[in-house]
Amino acid sequence: MSAPDPDCLFCKIVTGDIPAEIVHQTPSVVAFRDVAPQAPTHVLVVPREHQPDAAALASASPTTVADLVTAAQTVAETDGLGGDYRLVFNTGVGAGQTVFHTHLHLLGGRPMTWPPG
């Protein structure tokens, strides 16, 4: 398991050093509301361990990737989204990743258009 990065925003949220609206937690993940929501439900689901992106997390801890998706499903159910929501991993600057700690976006509560972006 990777140690927290003292300069990482999401590591600081996971450790409680920066406040966030936590909506779900497990031993491996923390889910919190995005401060700049792009949909009525916009929650970030992050692993407690620091990995820079989804591919790195999948390589280091594949079961934690499944934990992220399971946690997102739980939050979607809690928020009343039924089966209508989108899950997004952005990997790299060119894809829009701005915080280099793996995070899964849960978006829902309005119609989603395709293609995204």
PDB file of N, CA and C in Angstrom:
ATOM      1  N   MET A   1       0.850  -1.183   0.000  1.00  0.00           N
ATOM      2  CA  MET A   1       0.000   0.000   0.000  1.00  0.00           C
ATOM      3  C   MET A   1       0.887   1.234   0.000  1.00  0.00           C
ATOM      4  N   SER A   2       0.538   2.170  -0.855  1.00  0.00           N
ATOM      5  CA  SER A   2       1.321   3.392  -0.991  1.00  0.00           C
ATOM      6  C   SER A   2       1.014   4.359   0.152  1.00  0.00           C
ATOM      7  N   ALA A   3       2.036   5.000   0.683  1.00  0.00           N
ATOM      8  CA  ALA A   3       1.887   5.973   1.762  1.00  0.00           C
ATOM      9  C   ALA A   3       1.252   7.249   1.232  1.00  0.00           C
ATOM     10  N   PRO A   4       0.550   7.993   2.090  1.00  0.00           N
ATOM     11  CA  PRO A   4      -0.012   9.275   1.653  1.00  0.00           C
ATOM     12  C   PRO A   4       1.085  10.220   1.163  1.00  0.00           C
ATOM     13  N   ASP A   5       0.741  11.016   0.162  1.00  0.00           N
ATOM     14  CA  ASP A   5       1.643  12.038  -0.363  1.00  0.00           C
ATOM     15  C   ASP A   5       1.324  13.337   0.379  1.00  0.00           C
ATOM     16  N   PRO A   6       2.278  13.897   1.137  1.00  0.00           N
ATOM     17  CA  PRO A   6       1.984  15.087   1.946  1.00  0.00           C
ATOM     18  C   PRO A   6       1.594  16.316   1.118  1.00  0.00           C
ATOM     19  N   ASP A   7       1.844  16.294  -0.186  1.00  0.00           N
ATOM     20  CA  ASP A   7       1.475  17.418  -1.039  1.00  0.00           C
ATOM     21  C   ASP A   7       0.183  17.187  -1.826  1.00  0.00           C
ATOM     22  N   CYS A   8      -0.472  16.043  -1.628  1.00  0.00           N
ATOM     23  CA  CYS A   8      -1.642  15.661  -2.423  1.00  0.00           C
ATOM     24  C   CYS A   8      -2.942  16.126  -1.749  1.00  0.00           C
ATOM     25  N   LEU A   9      -3.750  16.871  -2.486  1.00  0.00           N
ATOM     26  CA  LEU A   9      -5.033  17.354  -1.984  1.00  0.00           C
ATOM     27  C   LEU A   9      -5.923  16.206  -1.509  1.00  0.00           C
ATOM     28  N   PHE A  10      -6.037  15.143  -2.317  1.00  0.00           N
ATOM     29  CA  PHE A  10      -6.935  14.054  -1.942  1.00  0.00           C
ATOM     30  C   PHE A  10      -6.393  13.246  -0.779  1.00  0.00           C
ATOM     31  N   CYS A  11      -5.077  13.104  -0.668  1.00  0.00           N
ATOM     32  CA  CYS A  11      -4.513  12.445   0.518  1.00  0.00           C
ATOM     33  C   CYS A  11      -4.877  13.233   1.776  1.00  0.00           C
ATOM     34  N   LYS A  12      -4.855  14.553   1.676  1.00  0.00           N
ATOM     35  CA  LYS A  12      -5.206  15.397   2.828  1.00  0.00           C
ATOM     36  C   LYS A  12      -6.682  15.276   3.174  1.00  0.00           C
ATOM     37  N   ILE A  13      -7.540  15.079   2.186  1.00  0.00           N
ATOM     38  CA  ILE A  13      -8.962  14.844   2.463  1.00  0.00           C
ATOM     39  C   ILE A  13      -9.132  13.485   3.125  1.00  0.00           C
ATOM     40  N   VAL A  14      -8.451  12.461   2.612  1.00  0.00           N
ATOM     41  CA  VAL A  14      -8.539  11.113   3.180  1.00  0.00           C
ATOM     42  C   VAL A  14      -8.108  11.107   4.646  1.00  0.00           C
ATOM     43  N   THR A  15      -7.046  11.849   4.979  1.00  0.00           N
ATOM     44  CA  THR A  15      -6.559  11.873   6.363  1.00  0.00           C
ATOM     45  C   THR A  15      -7.336  12.834   7.255  1.00  0.00           C
ATOM     46  N   GLY A  16      -8.234  13.635   6.660  1.00  0.00           N
ATOM     47  CA  GLY A  16      -9.022  14.583   7.441  1.00  0.00           C
ATOM     48  C   GLY A  16      -8.343  15.918   7.655  1.00  0.00           C
ATOM     49  N   ASP A  17      -7.177  16.126   7.046  1.00  0.00           N
ATOM     50  CA  ASP A  17      -6.480  17.400   7.189  1.00  0.00           C
ATOM     51  C   ASP A  17      -7.172  18.532   6.428  1.00  0.00           C
ATOM     52  N   ILE A  18      -7.921  18.190   5.384  1.00  0.00           N
ATOM     53  CA  ILE A  18      -8.729  19.157   4.645  1.00  0.00           C
ATOM     54  C   ILE A  18     -10.160  18.656   4.722  1.00  0.00           C
ATOM     55  N   PRO A  19     -11.105  19.530   5.117  1.00  0.00           N
ATOM     56  CA  PRO A  19     -12.494  19.085   5.231  1.00  0.00           C
ATOM     57  C   PRO A  19     -13.131  18.840   3.866  1.00  0.00           C
ATOM     58  N   ALA A  20     -14.064  17.915   3.837  1.00  0.00           N
ATOM     59  CA  ALA A  20     -14.845  17.612   2.640  1.00  0.00           C
ATOM     60  C   ALA A  20     -16.176  17.038   3.103  1.00  0.00           C
ATOM     61  N   GLU A  21     -17.166  17.073   2.220  1.00  0.00           N
ATOM     62  CA  GLU A  21     -18.457  16.475   2.530  1.00  0.00           C
ATOM     63  C   GLU A  21     -18.386  14.984   2.199  1.00  0.00           C
ATOM     64  N   ILE A  22     -17.959  14.213   3.187  1.00  0.00           N
ATOM     65  CA  ILE A  22     -17.805  12.767   3.028  1.00  0.00           C
ATOM     66  C   ILE A  22     -19.202  12.137   2.995  1.00  0.00           C
ATOM     67  N   VAL A  23     -19.456  11.321   1.962  1.00  0.00           N
ATOM     68  CA  VAL A  23     -20.766  10.681   1.840  1.00  0.00           C
ATOM     69  C   VAL A  23     -20.702   9.168   2.030  1.00  0.00           C
ATOM     70  N   HIS A  24     -19.483   8.612   1.983  1.00  0.00           N
ATOM     71  CA  HIS A  24     -19.338   7.158   2.144  1.00  0.00           C
ATOM     72  C   HIS A  24     -17.864   6.859   2.417  1.00  0.00           C
ATOM     73  N   GLN A  25     -17.622   5.874   3.276  1.00  0.00           N
ATOM     74  CA  GLN A  25     -16.248   5.439   3.562  1.00  0.00           C
ATOM     75  C   GLN A  25     -16.240   3.937   3.778  1.00  0.00           C
ATOM     76  N   THR A  26     -15.131   3.334   3.385  1.00  0.00           N
ATOM     77  CA  THR A  26     -14.864   1.934   3.690  1.00  0.00           C
ATOM     78  C   THR A  26     -13.397   1.881   4.121  1.00  0.00           C
ATOM     79  N   PRO A  27     -12.908   0.720   4.505  1.00  0.00           N
ATOM     80  CA  PRO A  27     -11.482   0.648   4.846  1.00  0.00           C
ATOM     81  C   PRO A  27     -10.547   0.998   3.678  1.00  0.00           C
ATOM     82  N   SER A  28     -11.032   0.891   2.432  1.00  0.00           N
ATOM     83  CA  SER A  28     -10.139   1.151   1.296  1.00  0.00           C
ATOM     84  C   SER A  28     -10.450   2.409   0.500  1.00  0.00           C
ATOM     85  N   VAL A  29     -11.658   2.990   0.662  1.00  0.00           N
ATOM     86  CA  VAL A  29     -12.032   4.153  -0.150  1.00  0.00           C
ATOM     87  C   VAL A  29     -12.763   5.211   0.666  1.00  0.00           C
ATOM     88  N   VAL A  30     -12.733   6.430   0.123  1.00  0.00           N
ATOM     89  CA  VAL A  30     -13.479   7.559   0.684  1.00  0.00           C
ATOM     90  C   VAL A  30     -14.205   8.228  -0.480  1.00  0.00           C
ATOM     91  N   ALA A  31     -15.481   8.553  -0.280  1.00  0.00           N
ATOM     92  CA  ALA A  31     -16.270   9.241  -1.302  1.00  0.00           C
ATOM     93  C   ALA A  31     -16.744  10.572  -0.741  1.00  0.00           C
ATOM     94  N   PHE A  32     -16.580  11.631  -1.544  1.00  0.00           N
ATOM     95  CA  PHE A  32     -16.961  12.969  -1.099  1.00  0.00           C
ATOM     96  C   PHE A  32     -17.499  13.781  -2.267  1.00  0.00           C
ATOM     97  N   ARG A  33     -18.330  14.767  -1.959  1.00  0.00           N
ATOM     98  CA  ARG A  33     -18.940  15.618  -2.980  1.00  0.00           C
ATOM     99  C   ARG A  33     -17.876  16.522  -3.614  1.00  0.00           C
ATOM    100  N   ASP A  34     -17.961  16.656  -4.933  1.00  0.00           N
ATOM    101  CA  ASP A  34     -17.060  17.540  -5.677  1.00  0.00           C
ATOM    102  C   ASP A  34     -17.403  18.980  -5.335  1.00  0.00           C
ATOM    103  N   VAL A  35     -16.392  19.828  -5.157  1.00  0.00           N
ATOM    104  CA  VAL A  35     -16.627  21.232  -4.811  1.00  0.00           C
ATOM    105  C   VAL A  35     -17.088  22.049  -6.011  1.00  0.00           C
ATOM    106  N   ALA A  36     -16.931  21.532  -7.221  1.00  0.00           N
ATOM    107  CA  ALA A  36     -17.391  22.204  -8.442  1.00  0.00           C
ATOM    108  C   ALA A  36     -18.214  21.197  -9.252  1.00  0.00           C
ATOM    109  N   PRO A  37     -19.415  20.844  -8.751  1.00  0.00           N
ATOM    110  CA  PRO A  37     -20.179  19.766  -9.368  1.00  0.00           C
ATOM    111  C   PRO A  37     -20.586  20.063 -10.811  1.00  0.00           C
ATOM    112  N   GLN A  38     -20.513  19.004 -11.635  1.00  0.00           N
ATOM    113  CA  GLN A  38     -20.906  19.082 -13.032  1.00  0.00           C
ATOM    114  C   GLN A  38     -22.262  18.424 -13.274  1.00  0.00           C
ATOM    115  N   ALA A  39     -22.896  17.937 -12.222  1.00  0.00           N
ATOM    116  CA  ALA A  39     -24.212  17.310 -12.273  1.00  0.00           C
ATOM    117  C   ALA A  39     -24.803  17.403 -10.864  1.00  0.00           C
ATOM    118  N   PRO A  40     -26.117  17.211 -10.730  1.00  0.00           N
ATOM    119  CA  PRO A  40     -26.702  17.265  -9.382  1.00  0.00           C
ATOM    120  C   PRO A  40     -26.013  16.331  -8.385  1.00  0.00           C
ATOM    121  N   THR A  41     -25.655  15.135  -8.832  1.00  0.00           N
ATOM    122  CA  THR A  41     -24.793  14.272  -8.022  1.00  0.00           C
ATOM    123  C   THR A  41     -23.437  14.236  -8.710  1.00  0.00           C
ATOM    124  N   HIS A  42     -22.426  14.724  -8.032  1.00  0.00           N
ATOM    125  CA  HIS A  42     -21.044  14.639  -8.521  1.00  0.00           C
ATOM    126  C   HIS A  42     -20.184  14.334  -7.305  1.00  0.00           C
ATOM    127  N   VAL A  43     -19.822  13.067  -7.204  1.00  0.00           N
ATOM    128  CA  VAL A  43     -19.061  12.571  -6.063  1.00  0.00           C
ATOM    129  C   VAL A  43     -17.745  12.008  -6.582  1.00  0.00           C
ATOM    130  N   LEU A  44     -16.686  12.266  -5.851  1.00  0.00           N
ATOM    131  CA  LEU A  44     -15.377  11.687  -6.155  1.00  0.00           C
ATOM    132  C   LEU A  44     -15.147  10.525  -5.206  1.00  0.00           C
ATOM    133  N   VAL A  45     -14.794   9.397  -5.761  1.00  0.00           N
ATOM    134  CA  VAL A  45     -14.499   8.201  -4.969  1.00  0.00           C
ATOM    135  C   VAL A  45     -13.008   7.942  -5.122  1.00  0.00           C
ATOM    136  N   VAL A  46     -12.273   7.991  -4.013  1.00  0.00           N
ATOM    137  CA  VAL A  46     -10.818   7.887  -4.059  1.00  0.00           C
ATOM    138  C   VAL A  46     -10.337   6.748  -3.173  1.00  0.00           C
ATOM    139  N   PRO A  47      -9.239   6.107  -3.567  1.00  0.00           N
ATOM    140  CA  PRO A  47      -8.657   5.101  -2.680  1.00  0.00           C
ATOM    141  C   PRO A  47      -7.935   5.791  -1.522  1.00  0.00           C
ATOM    142  N   ARG A  48      -7.869   5.123  -0.402  1.00  0.00           N
ATOM    143  CA  ARG A  48      -7.108   5.679   0.722  1.00  0.00           C
ATOM    144  C   ARG A  48      -5.614   5.696   0.407  1.00  0.00           C
ATOM    145  N   GLU A  49      -5.164   4.751  -0.400  1.00  0.00           N
ATOM    146  CA  GLU A  49      -3.751   4.729  -0.784  1.00  0.00           C
ATOM    147  C   GLU A  49      -3.519   5.693  -1.943  1.00  0.00           C
ATOM    148  N   HIS A  50      -2.346   6.272  -1.972  1.00  0.00           N
ATOM    149  CA  HIS A  50      -2.009   7.209  -3.044  1.00  0.00           C
ATOM    150  C   HIS A  50      -1.434   6.464  -4.248  1.00  0.00           C
ATOM    151  N   GLN A  51      -2.143   6.593  -5.356  1.00  0.00           N
ATOM    152  CA  GLN A  51      -1.660   6.147  -6.665  1.00  0.00           C
ATOM    153  C   GLN A  51      -2.035   7.257  -7.633  1.00  0.00           C
ATOM    154  N   PRO A  52      -1.201   7.572  -8.605  1.00  0.00           N
ATOM    155  CA  PRO A  52      -1.439   8.763  -9.431  1.00  0.00           C
ATOM    156  C   PRO A  52      -2.608   8.668 -10.394  1.00  0.00           C
ATOM    157  N   ASP A  53      -2.988   7.472 -10.825  1.00  0.00           N
ATOM    158  CA  ASP A  53      -4.087   7.350 -11.781  1.00  0.00           C
ATOM    159  C   ASP A  53      -4.669   5.940 -11.726  1.00  0.00           C
ATOM    160  N   ALA A  54      -5.740   5.722 -12.494  1.00  0.00           N
ATOM    161  CA  ALA A  54      -6.445   4.444 -12.444  1.00  0.00           C
ATOM    162  C   ALA A  54      -5.569   3.274 -12.872  1.00  0.00           C
ATOM    163  N   ALA A  55      -4.734   3.479 -13.896  1.00  0.00           N
ATOM    164  CA  ALA A  55      -3.868   2.386 -14.359  1.00  0.00           C
ATOM    165  C   ALA A  55      -2.859   1.997 -13.279  1.00  0.00           C
ATOM    166  N   ALA A  56      -2.290   2.979 -12.606  1.00  0.00           N
ATOM    167  CA  ALA A  56      -1.332   2.694 -11.532  1.00  0.00           C
ATOM    168  C   ALA A  56      -2.017   1.959 -10.386  1.00  0.00           C
ATOM    169  N   LEU A  57      -3.245   2.370 -10.050  1.00  0.00           N
ATOM    170  CA  LEU A  57      -3.976   1.690  -8.985  1.00  0.00           C
ATOM    171  C   LEU A  57      -4.309   0.257  -9.390  1.00  0.00           C
ATOM    172  N   ALA A  58      -4.735   0.061 -10.624  1.00  0.00           N
ATOM    173  CA  ALA A  58      -5.061  -1.284 -11.101  1.00  0.00           C
ATOM    174  C   ALA A  58      -3.850  -2.202 -11.037  1.00  0.00           C
ATOM    175  N   SER A  59      -2.682  -1.656 -11.327  1.00  0.00           N
ATOM    176  CA  SER A  59      -1.456  -2.444 -11.274  1.00  0.00           C
ATOM    177  C   SER A  59      -1.056  -2.755  -9.832  1.00  0.00           C
ATOM    178  N   ALA A  60      -1.150  -1.758  -8.953  1.00  0.00           N
ATOM    179  CA  ALA A  60      -0.705  -1.921  -7.567  1.00  0.00           C
ATOM    180  C   ALA A  60      -1.735  -2.639  -6.694  1.00  0.00           C
ATOM    181  N   SER A  61      -3.024  -2.398  -6.955  1.00  0.00           N
ATOM    182  CA  SER A  61      -4.066  -2.920  -6.073  1.00  0.00           C
ATOM    183  C   SER A  61      -5.369  -3.109  -6.839  1.00  0.00           C
ATOM    184  N   PRO A  62      -5.441  -4.144  -7.681  1.00  0.00           N
ATOM    185  CA  PRO A  62      -6.627  -4.316  -8.529  1.00  0.00           C
ATOM    186  C   PRO A  62      -7.937  -4.430  -7.758  1.00  0.00           C
ATOM    187  N   THR A  63      -7.917  -5.004  -6.576  1.00  0.00           N
ATOM    188  CA  THR A  63      -9.179  -5.120  -5.831  1.00  0.00           C
ATOM    189  C   THR A  63      -9.694  -3.751  -5.383  1.00  0.00           C
ATOM    190  N   THR A  64      -8.799  -2.799  -5.206  1.00  0.00           N
ATOM    191  CA  THR A  64      -9.234  -1.461  -4.805  1.00  0.00           C
ATOM    192  C   THR A  64      -9.996  -0.777  -5.930  1.00  0.00           C
ATOM    193  N   VAL A  65      -9.670  -1.070  -7.180  1.00  0.00           N
ATOM    194  CA  VAL A  65     -10.442  -0.524  -8.302  1.00  0.00           C
ATOM    195  C   VAL A  65     -11.894  -1.005  -8.191  1.00  0.00           C
ATOM    196  N   ALA A  66     -12.071  -2.273  -7.905  1.00  0.00           N
ATOM    197  CA  ALA A  66     -13.421  -2.806  -7.714  1.00  0.00           C
ATOM    198  C   ALA A  66     -14.099  -2.137  -6.522  1.00  0.00           C
ATOM    199  N   ASP A  67     -13.349  -1.862  -5.462  1.00  0.00           N
ATOM    200  CA  ASP A  67     -13.901  -1.183  -4.288  1.00  0.00           C
ATOM    201  C   ASP A  67     -14.411   0.214  -4.656  1.00  0.00           C
ATOM    202  N   LEU A  68     -13.699   0.918  -5.553  1.00  0.00           N
ATOM    203  CA  LEU A  68     -14.133   2.246  -5.982  1.00  0.00           C
ATOM    204  C   LEU A  68     -15.496   2.154  -6.675  1.00  0.00           C
ATOM    205  N   VAL A  69     -15.633   1.190  -7.578  1.00  0.00           N
ATOM    206  CA  VAL A  69     -16.883   1.033  -8.329  1.00  0.00           C
ATOM    207  C   VAL A  69     -18.021   0.627  -7.401  1.00  0.00           C
ATOM    208  N   THR A  70     -17.751  -0.275  -6.475  1.00  0.00           N
ATOM    209  CA  THR A  70     -18.769  -0.705  -5.518  1.00  0.00           C
ATOM    210  C   THR A  70     -19.216   0.459  -4.639  1.00  0.00           C
ATOM    211  N   ALA A  71     -18.273   1.268  -4.192  1.00  0.00           N
ATOM    212  CA  ALA A  71     -18.614   2.439  -3.375  1.00  0.00           C
ATOM    213  C   ALA A  71     -19.438   3.434  -4.187  1.00  0.00           C
ATOM    214  N   ALA A  72     -19.085   3.639  -5.449  1.00  0.00           N
ATOM    215  CA  ALA A  72     -19.847   4.554  -6.310  1.00  0.00           C
ATOM    216  C   ALA A  72     -21.281   4.057  -6.460  1.00  0.00           C
ATOM    217  N   GLN A  73     -21.461   2.754  -6.629  1.00  0.00           N
ATOM    218  CA  GLN A  73     -22.803   2.192  -6.745  1.00  0.00           C
ATOM    219  C   GLN A  73     -23.612   2.438  -5.471  1.00  0.00           C
ATOM    220  N   THR A  74     -22.980   2.270  -4.319  1.00  0.00           N
ATOM    221  CA  THR A  74     -23.654   2.511  -3.043  1.00  0.00           C
ATOM    222  C   THR A  74     -24.097   3.960  -2.942  1.00  0.00           C
ATOM    223  N   VAL A  75     -23.221   4.896  -3.298  1.00  0.00           N
ATOM    224  CA  VAL A  75     -23.567   6.322  -3.247  1.00  0.00           C
ATOM    225  C   VAL A  75     -24.692   6.628  -4.235  1.00  0.00           C
ATOM    226  N   ALA A  76     -24.627   6.062  -5.435  1.00  0.00           N
ATOM    227  CA  ALA A  76     -25.680   6.267  -6.431  1.00  0.00           C
ATOM    228  C   ALA A  76     -27.036   5.815  -5.891  1.00  0.00           C
ATOM    229  N   GLU A  77     -27.051   4.672  -5.234  1.00  0.00           N
ATOM    230  CA  GLU A  77     -28.298   4.178  -4.640  1.00  0.00           C
ATOM    231  C   GLU A  77     -28.774   5.112  -3.529  1.00  0.00           C
ATOM    232  N   THR A  78     -27.861   5.544  -2.675  1.00  0.00           N
ATOM    233  CA  THR A  78     -28.198   6.444  -1.577  1.00  0.00           C
ATOM    234  C   THR A  78     -28.759   7.764  -2.102  1.00  0.00           C
ATOM    235  N   ASP A  79     -28.191   8.253  -3.209  1.00  0.00           N
ATOM    236  CA  ASP A  79     -28.644   9.519  -3.805  1.00  0.00           C
ATOM    237  C   ASP A  79     -29.874   9.346  -4.694  1.00  0.00           C
ATOM    238  N   GLY A  80     -30.406   8.123  -4.785  1.00  0.00           N
ATOM    239  CA  GLY A  80     -31.627   7.883  -5.526  1.00  0.00           C
ATOM    240  C   GLY A  80     -31.472   7.916  -7.039  1.00  0.00           C
ATOM    241  N   LEU A  81     -30.284   7.578  -7.533  1.00  0.00           N
ATOM    242  CA  LEU A  81     -30.048   7.620  -8.968  1.00  0.00           C
ATOM    243  C   LEU A  81     -30.538   6.377  -9.689  1.00  0.00           C
ATOM    244  N   GLY A  82     -30.925   5.356  -8.945  1.00  0.00           N
ATOM    245  CA  GLY A  82     -31.330   4.105  -9.585  1.00  0.00           C
ATOM    246  C   GLY A  82     -30.145   3.548 -10.357  1.00  0.00           C
ATOM    247  N   GLY A  83     -30.381   3.125 -11.566  1.00  0.00           N
ATOM    248  CA  GLY A  83     -29.286   2.609 -12.390  1.00  0.00           C
ATOM    249  C   GLY A  83     -28.789   3.613 -13.401  1.00  0.00           C
ATOM    250  N   ASP A  84     -29.128   4.895 -13.225  1.00  0.00           N
ATOM    251  CA  ASP A  84     -28.779   5.930 -14.203  1.00  0.00           C
ATOM    252  C   ASP A  84     -27.688   6.858 -13.674  1.00  0.00           C
ATOM    253  N   TYR A  85     -26.435   6.502 -13.967  1.00  0.00           N
ATOM    254  CA  TYR A  85     -25.313   7.342 -13.562  1.00  0.00           C
ATOM    255  C   TYR A  85     -24.124   7.031 -14.448  1.00  0.00           C
ATOM    256  N   ARG A  86     -23.139   7.906 -14.393  1.00  0.00           N
ATOM    257  CA  ARG A  86     -21.917   7.742 -15.188  1.00  0.00           C
ATOM    258  C   ARG A  86     -20.732   7.658 -14.231  1.00  0.00           C
ATOM    259  N   LEU A  87     -19.778   6.780 -14.570  1.00  0.00           N
ATOM    260  CA  LEU A  87     -18.521   6.662 -13.836  1.00  0.00           C
ATOM    261  C   LEU A  87     -17.399   7.046 -14.786  1.00  0.00           C
ATOM    262  N   VAL A  88     -16.495   7.923 -14.328  1.00  0.00           N
ATOM    263  CA  VAL A  88     -15.423   8.426 -15.193  1.00  0.00           C
ATOM    264  C   VAL A  88     -14.102   8.443 -14.440  1.00  0.00           C
ATOM    265  N   PHE A  89     -13.067   7.873 -15.076  1.00  0.00           N
ATOM    266  CA  PHE A  89     -11.680   8.055 -14.642  1.00  0.00           C
ATOM    267  C   PHE A  89     -11.016   8.944 -15.684  1.00  0.00           C
ATOM    268  N   ASN A  90     -10.406  10.031 -15.283  1.00  0.00           N
ATOM    269  CA  ASN A  90      -9.566  10.826 -16.180  1.00  0.00           C
ATOM    270  C   ASN A  90      -8.118  10.462 -15.870  1.00  0.00           C
ATOM    271  N   THR A  91      -7.360  10.148 -16.898  1.00  0.00           N
ATOM    272  CA  THR A  91      -5.967   9.761 -16.703  1.00  0.00           C
ATOM    273  C   THR A  91      -5.085  10.646 -17.568  1.00  0.00           C
ATOM    274  N   GLY A  92      -4.302  11.499 -16.928  1.00  0.00           N
ATOM    275  CA  GLY A  92      -3.386  12.388 -17.626  1.00  0.00           C
ATOM    276  C   GLY A  92      -3.967  13.771 -17.859  1.00  0.00           C
ATOM    277  N   VAL A  93      -3.078  14.729 -18.007  1.00  0.00           N
ATOM    278  CA  VAL A  93      -3.454  16.126 -18.214  1.00  0.00           C
ATOM    279  C   VAL A  93      -4.351  16.274 -19.445  1.00  0.00           C
ATOM    280  N   GLY A  94      -3.992  15.596 -20.535  1.00  0.00           N
ATOM    281  CA  GLY A  94      -4.759  15.709 -21.766  1.00  0.00           C
ATOM    282  C   GLY A  94      -6.183  15.211 -21.652  1.00  0.00           C
ATOM    283  N   ALA A  95      -6.464  14.370 -20.655  1.00  0.00           N
ATOM    284  CA  ALA A  95      -7.809  13.852 -20.429  1.00  0.00           C
ATOM    285  C   ALA A  95      -8.554  14.651 -19.364  1.00  0.00           C
ATOM    286  N   GLY A  96      -7.906  15.680 -18.816  1.00  0.00           N
ATOM    287  CA  GLY A  96      -8.561  16.523 -17.831  1.00  0.00           C
ATOM    288  C   GLY A  96      -8.239  16.205 -16.387  1.00  0.00           C
ATOM    289  N   GLN A  97      -7.290  15.300 -16.138  1.00  0.00           N
ATOM    290  CA  GLN A  97      -6.939  15.008 -14.748  1.00  0.00           C
ATOM    291  C   GLN A  97      -6.172  16.188 -14.166  1.00  0.00           C
ATOM    292  N   THR A  98      -6.643  16.701 -13.029  1.00  0.00           N
ATOM    293  CA  THR A  98      -5.989  17.848 -12.385  1.00  0.00           C
ATOM    294  C   THR A  98      -5.403  17.503 -11.025  1.00  0.00           C
ATOM    295  N   VAL A  99      -5.919  16.443 -10.380  1.00  0.00           N
ATOM    296  CA  VAL A  99      -5.356  15.967  -9.118  1.00  0.00           C
ATOM    297  C   VAL A  99      -4.823  14.570  -9.393  1.00  0.00           C
ATOM    298  N   PHE A 100      -3.538  14.386  -9.156  1.00  0.00           N
ATOM    299  CA  PHE A 100      -2.881  13.126  -9.524  1.00  0.00           C
ATOM    300  C   PHE A 100      -2.877  12.133  -8.362  1.00  0.00           C
ATOM    301  N   HIS A 101      -4.087  11.839  -7.937  1.00  0.00           N
ATOM    302  CA  HIS A 101      -4.434  10.787  -6.979  1.00  0.00           C
ATOM    303  C   HIS A 101      -5.650  10.134  -7.631  1.00  0.00           C
ATOM    304  N   THR A 102      -5.593   8.837  -7.861  1.00  0.00           N
ATOM    305  CA  THR A 102      -6.690   8.153  -8.538  1.00  0.00           C
ATOM    306  C   THR A 102      -8.030   8.605  -7.981  1.00  0.00           C
ATOM    307  N   HIS A 103      -8.956   8.938  -8.860  1.00  0.00           N
ATOM    308  CA  HIS A 103     -10.308   9.256  -8.414  1.00  0.00           C
ATOM    309  C   HIS A 103     -11.315   8.919  -9.502  1.00  0.00           C
ATOM    310  N   LEU A 104     -12.428   8.392  -9.042  1.00  0.00           N
ATOM    311  CA  LEU A 104     -13.536   8.003  -9.899  1.00  0.00           C
ATOM    312  C   LEU A 104     -14.640   9.035  -9.707  1.00  0.00           C
ATOM    313  N   HIS A 105     -15.066   9.652 -10.812  1.00  0.00           N
ATOM    314  CA  HIS A 105     -16.185  10.596 -10.762  1.00  0.00           C
ATOM    315  C   HIS A 105     -17.489   9.814 -10.896  1.00  0.00           C
ATOM    316  N   LEU A 106     -18.410  10.038  -9.973  1.00  0.00           N
ATOM    317  CA  LEU A 106     -19.775   9.544 -10.061  1.00  0.00           C
ATOM    318  C   LEU A 106     -20.637  10.740 -10.423  1.00  0.00           C
ATOM    319  N   LEU A 107     -21.296  10.676 -11.584  1.00  0.00           N
ATOM    320  CA  LEU A 107     -22.139  11.774 -12.064  1.00  0.00           C
ATOM    321  C   LEU A 107     -23.544  11.256 -12.322  1.00  0.00           C
ATOM    322  N   GLY A 108     -24.541  12.016 -11.901  1.00  0.00           N
ATOM    323  CA  GLY A 108     -25.914  11.609 -12.154  1.00  0.00           C
ATOM    324  C   GLY A 108     -26.893  12.673 -11.719  1.00  0.00           C
ATOM    325  N   GLY A 109     -28.167  12.351 -11.889  1.00  0.00           N
ATOM    326  CA  GLY A 109     -29.216  13.283 -11.493  1.00  0.00           C
ATOM    327  C   GLY A 109     -29.698  14.171 -12.622  1.00  0.00           C
ATOM    328  N   ARG A 110     -29.162  13.989 -13.817  1.00  0.00           N
ATOM    329  CA  ARG A 110     -29.614  14.700 -15.012  1.00  0.00           C
ATOM    330  C   ARG A 110     -29.265  13.825 -16.209  1.00  0.00           C
ATOM    331  N   PRO A 111     -29.905  14.055 -17.361  1.00  0.00           N
ATOM    332  CA  PRO A 111     -29.536  13.272 -18.549  1.00  0.00           C
ATOM    333  C   PRO A 111     -28.073  13.512 -18.920  1.00  0.00           C
ATOM    334  N   MET A 112     -27.372  12.452 -19.247  1.00  0.00           N
ATOM    335  CA  MET A 112     -25.973  12.536 -19.675  1.00  0.00           C
ATOM    336  C   MET A 112     -25.933  12.478 -21.200  1.00  0.00           C
ATOM    337  N   THR A 113     -25.150  13.337 -21.804  1.00  0.00           N
ATOM    338  CA  THR A 113     -25.032  13.330 -23.255  1.00  0.00           C
ATOM    339  C   THR A 113     -23.853  12.461 -23.691  1.00  0.00           C
ATOM    340  N   TRP A 114     -23.890  12.026 -24.930  1.00  0.00           N
ATOM    341  CA  TRP A 114     -22.809  11.232 -25.493  1.00  0.00           C
ATOM    342  C   TRP A 114     -22.474  11.783 -26.851  1.00  0.00           C
ATOM    343  N   PRO A 115     -21.254  11.960 -27.220  1.00  0.00           N
ATOM    344  CA  PRO A 115     -20.081  11.613 -26.413  1.00  0.00           C
ATOM    345  C   PRO A 115     -19.798  12.677 -25.365  1.00  0.00           C
ATOM    346  N   PRO A 116     -19.190  12.276 -24.263  1.00  0.00           N
ATOM    347  CA  PRO A 116     -18.823  13.258 -23.238  1.00  0.00           C
ATOM    348  C   PRO A 116     -17.640  14.085 -23.690  1.00  0.00           C
ATOM    349  N   GLY A 117     -17.437  15.207 -23.020  1.00  0.00           N
ATOM    350  CA  GLY A 117     -16.248  16.016 -23.267  1.00  0.00           C
ATOM    351  C   GLY A 117     -16.273  16.881 -24.397  1.00  0.00           C
TER     352      GLY A 117
END
